[in-house]
Amino acid sequence: GLVQAGGSLRLSCAVSGRTFSMFTMGWFRQAPGKEREFVAAISRRGGV
């Protein structure tokens, strides 16, 4: 959504079709005119 500088947002990503705990999950982003950029990732059990 739209937020002012200094504000917060929480993104969610719901996964279906396979056992979720089998996946390492990542977030990426892409701004206009820029390449896709890694943001964050988390291991299967959430420990890394």
All heavy atoms as atom14 arrays in JSON, in Angstrom:
{
  "sequence": "GLVQAGGSLRLSCAVSGRTFSMFTMGWFRQAPGKEREFVAAISRRGGV",
  "atom14_mask": [
    [1, 1, 1, 1, 0, 0, 0, 0, 0, 0, 0, 0, 0, 0],
    [1, 1, 1, 1, 1, 1, 1, 1, 0, 0, 0, 0, 0, 0],
    [1, 1, 1, 1, 1, 1, 1, 0, 0, 0, 0, 0, 0, 0],
    [1, 1, 1, 1, 1, 1, 1, 1, 1, 0, 0, 0, 0, 0],
    [1, 1, 1, 1, 1, 0, 0, 0, 0, 0, 0, 0, 0, 0],
    [1, 1, 1, 1, 0, 0, 0, 0, 0, 0, 0, 0, 0, 0],
    [1, 1, 1, 1, 0, 0, 0, 0, 0, 0, 0, 0, 0, 0],
    [1, 1, 1, 1, 1, 1, 0, 0, 0, 0, 0, 0, 0, 0],
    [1, 1, 1, 1, 1, 1, 1, 1, 0, 0, 0, 0, 0, 0],
    [1, 1, 1, 1, 1, 1, 1, 1, 1, 1, 1, 0, 0, 0],
    [1, 1, 1, 1, 1, 1, 1, 1, 0, 0, 0, 0, 0, 0],
    [1, 1, 1, 1, 1, 1, 0, 0, 0, 0, 0, 0, 0, 0],
    [1, 1, 1, 1, 1, 1, 0, 0, 0, 0, 0, 0, 0, 0],
    [1, 1, 1, 1, 1, 0, 0, 0, 0, 0, 0, 0, 0, 0],
    [1, 1, 1, 1, 1, 1, 1, 0, 0, 0, 0, 0, 0, 0],
    [1, 1, 1, 1, 1, 1, 0, 0, 0, 0, 0, 0, 0, 0],
    [1, 1, 1, 1, 0, 0, 0, 0, 0, 0, 0, 0, 0, 0],
    [1, 1, 1, 1, 1, 1, 1, 1, 1, 1, 1, 0, 0, 0],
    [1, 1, 1, 1, 1, 1, 1, 0, 0, 0, 0, 0, 0, 0],
    [1, 1, 1, 1, 1, 1, 1, 1, 1, 1, 1, 0, 0, 0],
    [1, 1, 1, 1, 1, 1, 0, 0, 0, 0, 0, 0, 0, 0],
    [1, 1, 1, 1, 1, 1, 1, 1, 0, 0, 0, 0, 0, 0],
    [1, 1, 1, 1, 1, 1, 1, 1, 1, 1, 1, 0, 0, 0],
    [1, 1, 1, 1, 1, 1, 1, 0, 0, 0, 0, 0, 0, 0],
    [1, 1, 1, 1, 1, 1, 1, 1, 0, 0, 0, 0, 0, 0],
    [1, 1, 1, 1, 0, 0, 0, 0, 0, 0, 0, 0, 0, 0],
    [1, 1, 1, 1, 1, 1, 1, 1, 1, 1, 1, 1, 1, 1],
    [1, 1, 1, 1, 1, 1, 1, 1, 1, 1, 1, 0, 0, 0],
    [1, 1, 1, 1, 1, 1, 1, 1, 1, 1, 1, 0, 0, 0],
    [1, 1, 1, 1, 1, 1, 1, 1, 1, 0, 0, 0, 0, 0],
    [1, 1, 1, 1, 1, 0, 0, 0, 0, 0, 0, 0, 0, 0],
    [1, 1, 1, 1, 1, 1, 1, 0, 0, 0, 0, 0, 0, 0],
    [1, 1, 1, 1, 0, 0, 0, 0, 0, 0, 0, 0, 0, 0],
    [1, 1, 1, 1, 1, 1, 1, 1, 1, 0, 0, 0, 0, 0],
    [1, 1, 1, 1, 1, 1, 1, 1, 1, 0, 0, 0, 0, 0],
    [1, 1, 1, 1, 1, 1, 1, 1, 1, 1, 1, 0, 0, 0],
    [1, 1, 1, 1, 1, 1, 1, 1, 1, 0, 0, 0, 0, 0],
    [1, 1, 1, 1, 1, 1, 1, 1, 1, 1, 1, 0, 0, 0],
    [1, 1, 1, 1, 1, 1, 1, 0, 0, 0, 0, 0, 0, 0],
    [1, 1, 1, 1, 1, 0, 0, 0, 0, 0, 0, 0, 0, 0],
    [1, 1, 1, 1, 1, 0, 0, 0, 0, 0, 0, 0, 0, 0],
    [1, 1, 1, 1, 1, 1, 1, 1, 0, 0, 0, 0, 0, 0],
    [1, 1, 1, 1, 1, 1, 0, 0, 0, 0, 0, 0, 0, 0],
    [1, 1, 1, 1, 1, 1, 1, 1, 1, 1, 1, 0, 0, 0],
    [1, 1, 1, 1, 1, 1, 1, 1, 1, 1, 1, 0, 0, 0],
    [1, 1, 1, 1, 0, 0, 0, 0, 0, 0, 0, 0, 0, 0],
    [1, 1, 1, 1, 0, 0, 0, 0, 0, 0, 0, 0, 0, 0],
    [1, 1, 1, 1, 1, 1, 1, 0, 0, 0, 0, 0, 0, 0]
  ],
  "atom14_positions": [
    [[0.82, -1.2, 0.0], [0.0, 0.0, 0.0], [0.84, 1.24, 0.0], [2.06, 1.2, -0.26], [0.0, 0.0, 0.0], [0.0, 0.0, 0.0], [0.0, 0.0, 0.0], [0.0, 0.0, 0.0], [0.0, 0.0, 0.0], [0.0, 0.0, 0.0], [0.0, 0.0, 0.0], [0.0, 0.0, 0.0], [0.0, 0.0, 0.0], [0.0, 0.0, 0.0]],
    [[0.19, 2.35, 0.3], [0.84, 3.66, 0.35], [1.06, 4.04, 1.8], [0.14, 3.97, 2.62], [-0.04, 4.7, -0.34], [0.41, 6.15, -0.25], [1.74, 6.35, -0.97], [-0.66, 7.06, -0.84], [0.0, 0.0, 0.0], [0.0, 0.0, 0.0], [0.0, 0.0, 0.0], [0.0, 0.0, 0.0], [0.0, 0.0, 0.0], [0.0, 0.0, 0.0]],
    [[2.29, 4.45, 2.12], [2.62, 4.83, 3.49], [3.58, 6.01, 3.44], [4.34, 6.16, 2.48], [3.25, 3.63, 4.25], [4.56, 3.2, 3.63], [3.4, 3.92, 5.72], [0.0, 0.0, 0.0], [0.0, 0.0, 0.0], [0.0, 0.0, 0.0], [0.0, 0.0, 0.0], [0.0, 0.0, 0.0], [0.0, 0.0, 0.0], [0.0, 0.0, 0.0]],
    [[3.54, 6.83, 4.46], [4.46, 7.95, 4.54], [5.83, 7.49, 5.02], [5.96, 6.47, 5.71], [3.92, 9.02, 5.48], [2.73, 9.78, 4.95], [2.34, 10.95, 5.84], [2.6, 10.94, 7.04], [1.71, 11.95, 5.25], [0.0, 0.0, 0.0], [0.0, 0.0, 0.0], [0.0, 0.0, 0.0], [0.0, 0.0, 0.0], [0.0, 0.0, 0.0]],
    [[6.84, 8.24, 4.65], [8.19, 7.93, 5.11], [8.21, 7.85, 6.64], [7.59, 8.66, 7.33], [9.17, 8.98, 4.62], [0.0, 0.0, 0.0], [0.0, 0.0, 0.0], [0.0, 0.0, 0.0], [0.0, 0.0, 0.0], [0.0, 0.0, 0.0], [0.0, 0.0, 0.0], [0.0, 0.0, 0.0], [0.0, 0.0, 0.0], [0.0, 0.0, 0.0]],
    [[8.92, 6.85, 7.15], [8.96, 6.6, 8.58], [7.9, 5.64, 9.08], [7.96, 5.19, 10.23], [0.0, 0.0, 0.0], [0.0, 0.0, 0.0], [0.0, 0.0, 0.0], [0.0, 0.0, 0.0], [0.0, 0.0, 0.0], [0.0, 0.0, 0.0], [0.0, 0.0, 0.0], [0.0, 0.0, 0.0], [0.0, 0.0, 0.0], [0.0, 0.0, 0.0]],
    [[6.96, 5.33, 8.21], [5.87, 4.44, 8.6], [6.25, 2.96, 8.46], [7.39, 2.62, 8.15], [0.0, 0.0, 0.0], [0.0, 0.0, 0.0], [0.0, 0.0, 0.0], [0.0, 0.0, 0.0], [0.0, 0.0, 0.0], [0.0, 0.0, 0.0], [0.0, 0.0, 0.0], [0.0, 0.0, 0.0], [0.0, 0.0, 0.0], [0.0, 0.0, 0.0]],
    [[5.25, 2.12, 8.69], [5.47, 0.67, 8.68], [4.4, -0.03, 7.85], [3.28, 0.47, 7.7], [5.42, 0.12, 10.11], [6.42, 0.68, 10.92], [0.0, 0.0, 0.0], [0.0, 0.0, 0.0], [0.0, 0.0, 0.0], [0.0, 0.0, 0.0], [0.0, 0.0, 0.0], [0.0, 0.0, 0.0], [0.0, 0.0, 0.0], [0.0, 0.0, 0.0]],
    [[4.78, -1.17, 7.33], [3.85, -2.07, 6.66], [4.27, -3.5, 6.98], [5.46, -3.77, 7.19], [3.88, -1.89, 5.14], [3.15, -0.7, 4.53], [3.42, -0.64, 3.03], [1.66, -0.77, 4.78], [0.0, 0.0, 0.0], [0.0, 0.0, 0.0], [0.0, 0.0, 0.0], [0.0, 0.0, 0.0], [0.0, 0.0, 0.0], [0.0, 0.0, 0.0]],
    [[3.31, -4.4, 6.97], [3.61, -5.82, 7.09], [3.05, -6.54, 5.87], [1.85, -6.54, 5.64], [3.04, -6.44, 8.36], [3.54, -7.87, 8.55], [3.13, -8.49, 9.86], [1.8, -9.06, 9.81], [1.42, -10.1, 10.57], [2.27, -10.65, 11.41], [0.18, -10.55, 10.49], [0.0, 0.0, 0.0], [0.0, 0.0, 0.0], [0.0, 0.0, 0.0]],
    [[3.94, -7.15, 5.13], [3.55, -7.94, 3.99], [3.36, -9.4, 4.41], [4.08, -9.89, 5.28], [4.61, -7.87, 2.89], [5.01, -6.48, 2.41], [6.01, -6.6, 1.27], [3.82, -5.66, 2.01], [0.0, 0.0, 0.0], [0.0, 0.0, 0.0], [0.0, 0.0, 0.0], [0.0, 0.0, 0.0], [0.0, 0.0, 0.0], [0.0, 0.0, 0.0]],
    [[2.41, -10.04, 3.77], [2.18, -11.47, 4.0], [2.24, -12.2, 2.67], [1.94, -11.62, 1.62], [0.8, -11.69, 4.63], [0.68, -11.03, 5.87], [0.0, 0.0, 0.0], [0.0, 0.0, 0.0], [0.0, 0.0, 0.0], [0.0, 0.0, 0.0], [0.0, 0.0, 0.0], [0.0, 0.0, 0.0], [0.0, 0.0, 0.0], [0.0, 0.0, 0.0]],
    [[2.62, -13.45, 2.76], [2.65, -14.29, 1.56], [2.13, -15.67, 1.96], [2.78, -16.37, 2.74], [4.05, -14.38, 0.99], [4.23, -15.56, -0.38], [0.0, 0.0, 0.0], [0.0, 0.0, 0.0], [0.0, 0.0, 0.0], [0.0, 0.0, 0.0], [0.0, 0.0, 0.0], [0.0, 0.0, 0.0], [0.0, 0.0, 0.0], [0.0, 0.0, 0.0]],
    [[0.97, -16.01, 1.44], [0.36, -17.3, 1.72], [0.73, -18.29, 0.63], [0.62, -17.99, -0.56], [-1.15, -17.15, 1.81], [0.0, 0.0, 0.0], [0.0, 0.0, 0.0], [0.0, 0.0, 0.0], [0.0, 0.0, 0.0], [0.0, 0.0, 0.0], [0.0, 0.0, 0.0], [0.0, 0.0, 0.0], [0.0, 0.0, 0.0], [0.0, 0.0, 0.0]],
    [[1.15, -19.47, 1.06], [1.63, -20.49, 0.13], [0.7, -21.7, 0.17], [0.29, -22.14, 1.25], [3.07, -20.92, 0.49], [3.56, -22.0, -0.48], [4.0, -19.72, 0.47], [0.0, 0.0, 0.0], [0.0, 0.0, 0.0], [0.0, 0.0, 0.0], [0.0, 0.0, 0.0], [0.0, 0.0, 0.0], [0.0, 0.0, 0.0], [0.0, 0.0, 0.0]],
    [[0.38, -22.23, -0.98], [-0.44, -23.42, -1.06], [0.11, -24.35, -2.14], [0.9, -23.94, -2.99], [-1.89, -23.05, -1.38], [-1.98, -22.4, -2.62], [0.0, 0.0, 0.0], [0.0, 0.0, 0.0], [0.0, 0.0, 0.0], [0.0, 0.0, 0.0], [0.0, 0.0, 0.0], [0.0, 0.0, 0.0], [0.0, 0.0, 0.0], [0.0, 0.0, 0.0]],
    [[-0.31, -25.6, -2.09], [0.06, -26.54, -3.12], [1.11, -27.55, -2.72], [1.23, -28.6, -3.35], [0.0, 0.0, 0.0], [0.0, 0.0, 0.0], [0.0, 0.0, 0.0], [0.0, 0.0, 0.0], [0.0, 0.0, 0.0], [0.0, 0.0, 0.0], [0.0, 0.0, 0.0], [0.0, 0.0, 0.0], [0.0, 0.0, 0.0], [0.0, 0.0, 0.0]],
    [[1.92, -27.22, -1.75], [2.91, -28.15, -1.22], [3.15, -27.83, 0.24], [2.8, -26.74, 0.71], [4.23, -28.05, -2.0], [4.24, -28.83, -3.29], [5.56, -28.77, -4.01], [6.66, -29.37, -3.27], [7.89, -29.43, -3.73], [8.19, -28.92, -4.91], [8.85, -29.99, -3.02], [0.0, 0.0, 0.0], [0.0, 0.0, 0.0], [0.0, 0.0, 0.0]],
    [[3.77, -28.76, 0.93], [4.04, -28.54, 2.35], [4.94, -27.33, 2.54], [6.09, -27.3, 2.08], [4.71, -29.78, 2.96], [3.87, -30.92, 2.74], [4.93, -29.59, 4.44], [0.0, 0.0, 0.0], [0.0, 0.0, 0.0], [0.0, 0.0, 0.0], [0.0, 0.0, 0.0], [0.0, 0.0, 0.0], [0.0, 0.0, 0.0], [0.0, 0.0, 0.0]],
    [[4.41, -26.33, 3.22], [5.1, -25.04, 3.34], [6.46, -25.19, 4.01], [7.41, -24.5, 3.62], [4.2, -24.09, 4.14], [4.79, -22.74, 4.37], [5.04, -21.88, 3.31], [5.08, -22.31, 5.66], [5.58, -20.62, 3.52], [5.61, -21.05, 5.89], [5.86, -20.2, 4.81], [0.0, 0.0, 0.0], [0.0, 0.0, 0.0], [0.0, 0.0, 0.0]],
    [[6.56, -26.04, 4.99], [7.81, -26.17, 5.73], [8.94, -26.78, 4.9], [10.09, -26.82, 5.35], [7.6, -27.01, 6.99], [7.14, -28.3, 6.65], [0.0, 0.0, 0.0], [0.0, 0.0, 0.0], [0.0, 0.0, 0.0], [0.0, 0.0, 0.0], [0.0, 0.0, 0.0], [0.0, 0.0, 0.0], [0.0, 0.0, 0.0], [0.0, 0.0, 0.0]],
    [[8.66, -27.21, 3.69], [9.69, -27.72, 2.79], [10.43, -26.6, 2.08], [11.44, -26.84, 1.42], [9.06, -28.65, 1.74], [8.47, -29.92, 2.29], [7.7, -30.91, 0.98], [9.08, -31.18, -0.11], [0.0, 0.0, 0.0], [0.0, 0.0, 0.0], [0.0, 0.0, 0.0], [0.0, 0.0, 0.0], [0.0, 0.0, 0.0], [0.0, 0.0, 0.0]],
    [[9.91, -25.37, 2.17], [10.47, -24.26, 1.4], [11.33, -23.33, 2.25], [10.92, -22.94, 3.35], [9.37, -23.42, 0.78], [8.54, -24.12, -0.25], [7.18, -24.28, -0.08], [9.11, -24.6, -1.42], [6.4, -24.91, -1.03], [8.34, -25.23, -2.39], [6.98, -25.38, -2.18], [0.0, 0.0, 0.0], [0.0, 0.0, 0.0], [0.0, 0.0, 0.0]],
    [[12.47, -22.95, 1.71], [13.12, -21.73, 2.16], [12.37, -20.59, 1.49], [12.04, -20.67, 0.3], [14.59, -21.71, 1.73], [15.28, -22.8, 2.35], [15.25, -20.38, 2.1], [0.0, 0.0, 0.0], [0.0, 0.0, 0.0], [0.0, 0.0, 0.0], [0.0, 0.0, 0.0], [0.0, 0.0, 0.0], [0.0, 0.0, 0.0], [0.0, 0.0, 0.0]],
    [[12.06, -19.54, 2.23], [11.26, -18.45, 1.69], [12.08, -17.16, 1.61], [12.9, -16.87, 2.48], [10.04, -18.21, 2.57], [9.07, -19.38, 2.64], [8.4, -19.85, 1.03], [7.57, -18.34, 0.53], [0.0, 0.0, 0.0], [0.0, 0.0, 0.0], [0.0, 0.0, 0.0], [0.0, 0.0, 0.0], [0.0, 0.0, 0.0], [0.0, 0.0, 0.0]],
    [[11.84, -16.43, 0.55], [12.55, -15.17, 0.36], [11.62, -14.06, -0.06], [10.51, -14.31, -0.56], [0.0, 0.0, 0.0], [0.0, 0.0, 0.0], [0.0, 0.0, 0.0], [0.0, 0.0, 0.0], [0.0, 0.0, 0.0], [0.0, 0.0, 0.0], [0.0, 0.0, 0.0], [0.0, 0.0, 0.0], [0.0, 0.0, 0.0], [0.0, 0.0, 0.0]],
    [[12.07, -12.84, 0.17], [11.41, -11.64, -0.32], [12.39, -10.89, -1.22], [13.57, -10.74, -0.88], [10.98, -10.73, 0.82], [9.79, -11.19, 1.59], [9.77, -11.88, 2.76], [8.41, -10.98, 1.24], [8.48, -12.12, 3.15], [7.63, -11.58, 2.24], [7.76, -10.35, 0.17], [6.23, -11.56, 2.22], [6.37, -10.33, 0.15], [5.62, -10.93, 1.17]],
    [[11.86, -10.44, -2.34], [12.62, -9.62, -3.27], [11.8, -8.39, -3.61], [10.61, -8.33, -3.32], [12.91, -10.42, -4.56], [13.86, -11.56, -4.37], [13.43, -12.75, -3.81], [15.18, -11.45, -4.76], [14.31, -13.82, -3.61], [16.07, -12.5, -4.58], [15.63, -13.68, -4.0], [0.0, 0.0, 0.0], [0.0, 0.0, 0.0], [0.0, 0.0, 0.0]],
    [[12.43, -7.42, -4.23], [11.69, -6.25, -4.66], [12.27, -5.73, -5.97], [13.43, -5.98, -6.28], [11.73, -5.15, -3.6], [13.08, -4.5, -3.38], [13.01, -3.52, -2.22], [14.26, -2.76, -2.07], [14.48, -1.9, -1.08], [13.54, -1.69, -0.15], [15.63, -1.26, -1.02], [0.0, 0.0, 0.0], [0.0, 0.0, 0.0], [0.0, 0.0, 0.0]],
    [[11.44, -5.03, -6.7], [11.87, -4.42, -7.95], [11.24, -3.06, -8.11], [10.01, -2.93, -8.15], [11.53, -5.3, -9.14], [12.12, -4.81, -10.45], [12.08, -5.86, -11.54], [11.29, -6.8, -11.5], [12.95, -5.71, -12.53], [0.0, 0.0, 0.0], [0.0, 0.0, 0.0], [0.0, 0.0, 0.0], [0.0, 0.0, 0.0], [0.0, 0.0, 0.0]],
    [[12.09, -2.06, -8.16], [11.64, -0.68, -8.37], [11.63, -0.39, -9.87], [12.34, -1.04, -10.64], [12.57, 0.28, -7.65], [0.0, 0.0, 0.0], [0.0, 0.0, 0.0], [0.0, 0.0, 0.0], [0.0, 0.0, 0.0], [0.0, 0.0, 0.0], [0.0, 0.0, 0.0], [0.0, 0.0, 0.0], [0.0, 0.0, 0.0], [0.0, 0.0, 0.0]],
    [[10.85, 0.59, -10.29], [10.79, 0.92, -11.72], [12.17, 1.24, -12.29], [12.92, 2.03, -11.7], [9.88, 2.16, -11.75], [9.04, 2.03, -10.53], [9.92, 1.4, -9.5], [0.0, 0.0, 0.0], [0.0, 0.0, 0.0], [0.0, 0.0, 0.0], [0.0, 0.0, 0.0], [0.0, 0.0, 0.0], [0.0, 0.0, 0.0], [0.0, 0.0, 0.0]],
    [[12.5, 0.61, -13.39], [13.77, 0.87, -14.04], [14.98, 0.24, -13.38], [16.11, 0.47, -13.81], [0.0, 0.0, 0.0], [0.0, 0.0, 0.0], [0.0, 0.0, 0.0], [0.0, 0.0, 0.0], [0.0, 0.0, 0.0], [0.0, 0.0, 0.0], [0.0, 0.0, 0.0], [0.0, 0.0, 0.0], [0.0, 0.0, 0.0], [0.0, 0.0, 0.0]],
    [[14.73, -0.57, -12.35], [15.86, -1.2, -11.64], [15.72, -2.72, -11.7], [14.65, -3.26, -11.94], [15.91, -0.72, -10.19], [16.21, 0.76, -10.05], [16.41, 1.13, -8.59], [16.78, 2.6, -8.44], [17.0, 2.97, -7.01], [0.0, 0.0, 0.0], [0.0, 0.0, 0.0], [0.0, 0.0, 0.0], [0.0, 0.0, 0.0], [0.0, 0.0, 0.0]],
    [[16.83, -3.38, -11.41], [16.82, -4.82, -11.38], [16.18, -5.33, -10.09], [16.13, -4.61, -9.08], [18.25, -5.36, -11.5], [18.9, -5.09, -12.84], [20.23, -5.78, -12.98], [20.72, -6.34, -11.98], [20.8, -5.77, -14.08], [0.0, 0.0, 0.0], [0.0, 0.0, 0.0], [0.0, 0.0, 0.0], [0.0, 0.0, 0.0], [0.0, 0.0, 0.0]],
    [[15.73, -6.56, -10.15], [15.19, -7.19, -8.95], [16.28, -7.27, -7.88], [17.43, -7.57, -8.18], [14.67, -8.58, -9.29], [14.0, -9.32, -8.15], [13.44, -10.61, -8.64], [14.48, -11.49, -9.19], [14.25, -12.55, -9.94], [13.01, -12.86, -10.27], [15.24, -13.29, -10.38], [0.0, 0.0, 0.0], [0.0, 0.0, 0.0], [0.0, 0.0, 0.0]],
    [[15.88, -7.06, -6.64], [16.83, -6.94, -5.54], [16.41, -7.87, -4.4], [15.23, -7.93, -4.03], [16.84, -5.49, -5.05], [17.69, -5.2, -3.85], [17.56, -3.76, -3.38], [16.51, -3.14, -3.64], [18.48, -3.26, -2.74], [0.0, 0.0, 0.0], [0.0, 0.0, 0.0], [0.0, 0.0, 0.0], [0.0, 0.0, 0.0], [0.0, 0.0, 0.0]],
    [[17.38, -8.58, -3.85], [17.12, -9.42, -2.69], [16.82, -8.56, -1.47], [17.5, -7.55, -1.23], [18.34, -10.31, -2.41], [18.28, -11.05, -1.1], [17.48, -12.17, -0.97], [19.02, -10.62, -0.01], [17.42, -12.86, 0.23], [18.98, -11.3, 1.19], [18.17, -12.42, 1.31], [0.0, 0.0, 0.0], [0.0, 0.0, 0.0], [0.0, 0.0, 0.0]],
    [[15.83, -8.98, -0.69], [15.47, -8.26, 0.53], [15.8, -9.1, 1.76], [16.55, -8.66, 2.63], [13.97, -7.91, 0.53], [13.56, -7.29, 1.86], [13.63, -6.97, -0.63], [0.0, 0.0, 0.0], [0.0, 0.0, 0.0], [0.0, 0.0, 0.0], [0.0, 0.0, 0.0], [0.0, 0.0, 0.0], [0.0, 0.0, 0.0], [0.0, 0.0, 0.0]],
    [[15.24, -10.28, 1.83], [15.42, -11.12, 3.02], [15.03, -12.54, 2.68], [14.3, -12.79, 1.73], [14.57, -10.6, 4.18], [0.0, 0.0, 0.0], [0.0, 0.0, 0.0], [0.0, 0.0, 0.0], [0.0, 0.0, 0.0], [0.0, 0.0, 0.0], [0.0, 0.0, 0.0], [0.0, 0.0, 0.0], [0.0, 0.0, 0.0], [0.0, 0.0, 0.0]],
    [[15.52, -13.47, 3.5], [15.16, -14.87, 3.34], [15.18, -15.55, 4.7], [15.85, -15.08, 5.63], [16.1, -15.58, 2.36], [0.0, 0.0, 0.0], [0.0, 0.0, 0.0], [0.0, 0.0, 0.0], [0.0, 0.0, 0.0], [0.0, 0.0, 0.0], [0.0, 0.0, 0.0], [0.0, 0.0, 0.0], [0.0, 0.0, 0.0], [0.0, 0.0, 0.0]],
    [[14.46, -16.66, 4.77], [14.36, -17.38, 6.04], [14.33, -18.88, 5.75], [13.71, -19.32, 4.79], [13.12, -16.92, 6.83], [13.12, -17.49, 8.25], [11.83, -17.26, 6.09], [12.11, -16.81, 9.16], [0.0, 0.0, 0.0], [0.0, 0.0, 0.0], [0.0, 0.0, 0.0], [0.0, 0.0, 0.0], [0.0, 0.0, 0.0], [0.0, 0.0, 0.0]],
    [[15.01, -19.63, 6.6], [15.12, -21.06, 6.39], [13.81, -21.77, 6.69], [12.86, -21.18, 7.19], [16.24, -21.63, 7.27], [15.93, -21.4, 8.64], [0.0, 0.0, 0.0], [0.0, 0.0, 0.0], [0.0, 0.0, 0.0], [0.0, 0.0, 0.0], [0.0, 0.0, 0.0], [0.0, 0.0, 0.0], [0.0, 0.0, 0.0], [0.0, 0.0, 0.0]],
    [[13.79, -23.05, 6.42], [12.57, -23.84, 6.51], [11.92, -23.78, 7.88], [10.7, -23.69, 7.99], [12.87, -25.29, 6.16], [13.27, -25.5, 4.72], [13.57, -26.94, 4.44], [13.77, -27.19, 3.03], [13.63, -28.37, 2.45], [13.27, -29.42, 3.17], [13.85, -28.52, 1.17], [0.0, 0.0, 0.0], [0.0, 0.0, 0.0], [0.0, 0.0, 0.0]],
    [[12.72, -23.83, 8.9], [12.16, -23.84, 10.25], [12.2, -22.46, 10.9], [11.86, -22.33, 12.07], [12.9, -24.86, 11.11], [12.72, -26.28, 10.62], [13.34, -27.28, 11.58], [13.13, -28.66, 11.13], [13.53, -29.73, 11.81], [14.16, -29.58, 12.95], [13.31, -30.93, 11.33], [0.0, 0.0, 0.0], [0.0, 0.0, 0.0], [0.0, 0.0, 0.0]],
    [[12.61, -21.46, 10.14], [12.58, -20.1, 10.66], [13.77, -19.72, 11.51], [13.78, -18.66, 12.12], [0.0, 0.0, 0.0], [0.0, 0.0, 0.0], [0.0, 0.0, 0.0], [0.0, 0.0, 0.0], [0.0, 0.0, 0.0], [0.0, 0.0, 0.0], [0.0, 0.0, 0.0], [0.0, 0.0, 0.0], [0.0, 0.0, 0.0], [0.0, 0.0, 0.0]],
    [[14.81, -20.55, 11.53], [15.92, -20.28, 12.42], [17.03, -19.44, 11.84], [17.91, -18.98, 12.56], [0.0, 0.0, 0.0], [0.0, 0.0, 0.0], [0.0, 0.0, 0.0], [0.0, 0.0, 0.0], [0.0, 0.0, 0.0], [0.0, 0.0, 0.0], [0.0, 0.0, 0.0], [0.0, 0.0, 0.0], [0.0, 0.0, 0.0], [0.0, 0.0, 0.0]],
    [[17.02, -19.22, 10.52], [18.15, -18.52, 9.9], [17.63, -17.4, 9.0], [17.59, -17.56, 7.79], [19.02, -19.48, 9.07], [20.27, -18.76, 8.54], [19.41, -20.71, 9.88], [0.0, 0.0, 0.0], [0.0, 0.0, 0.0], [0.0, 0.0, 0.0], [0.0, 0.0, 0.0], [0.0, 0.0, 0.0], [0.0, 0.0, 0.0], [0.0, 0.0, 0.0]]
  ]
}
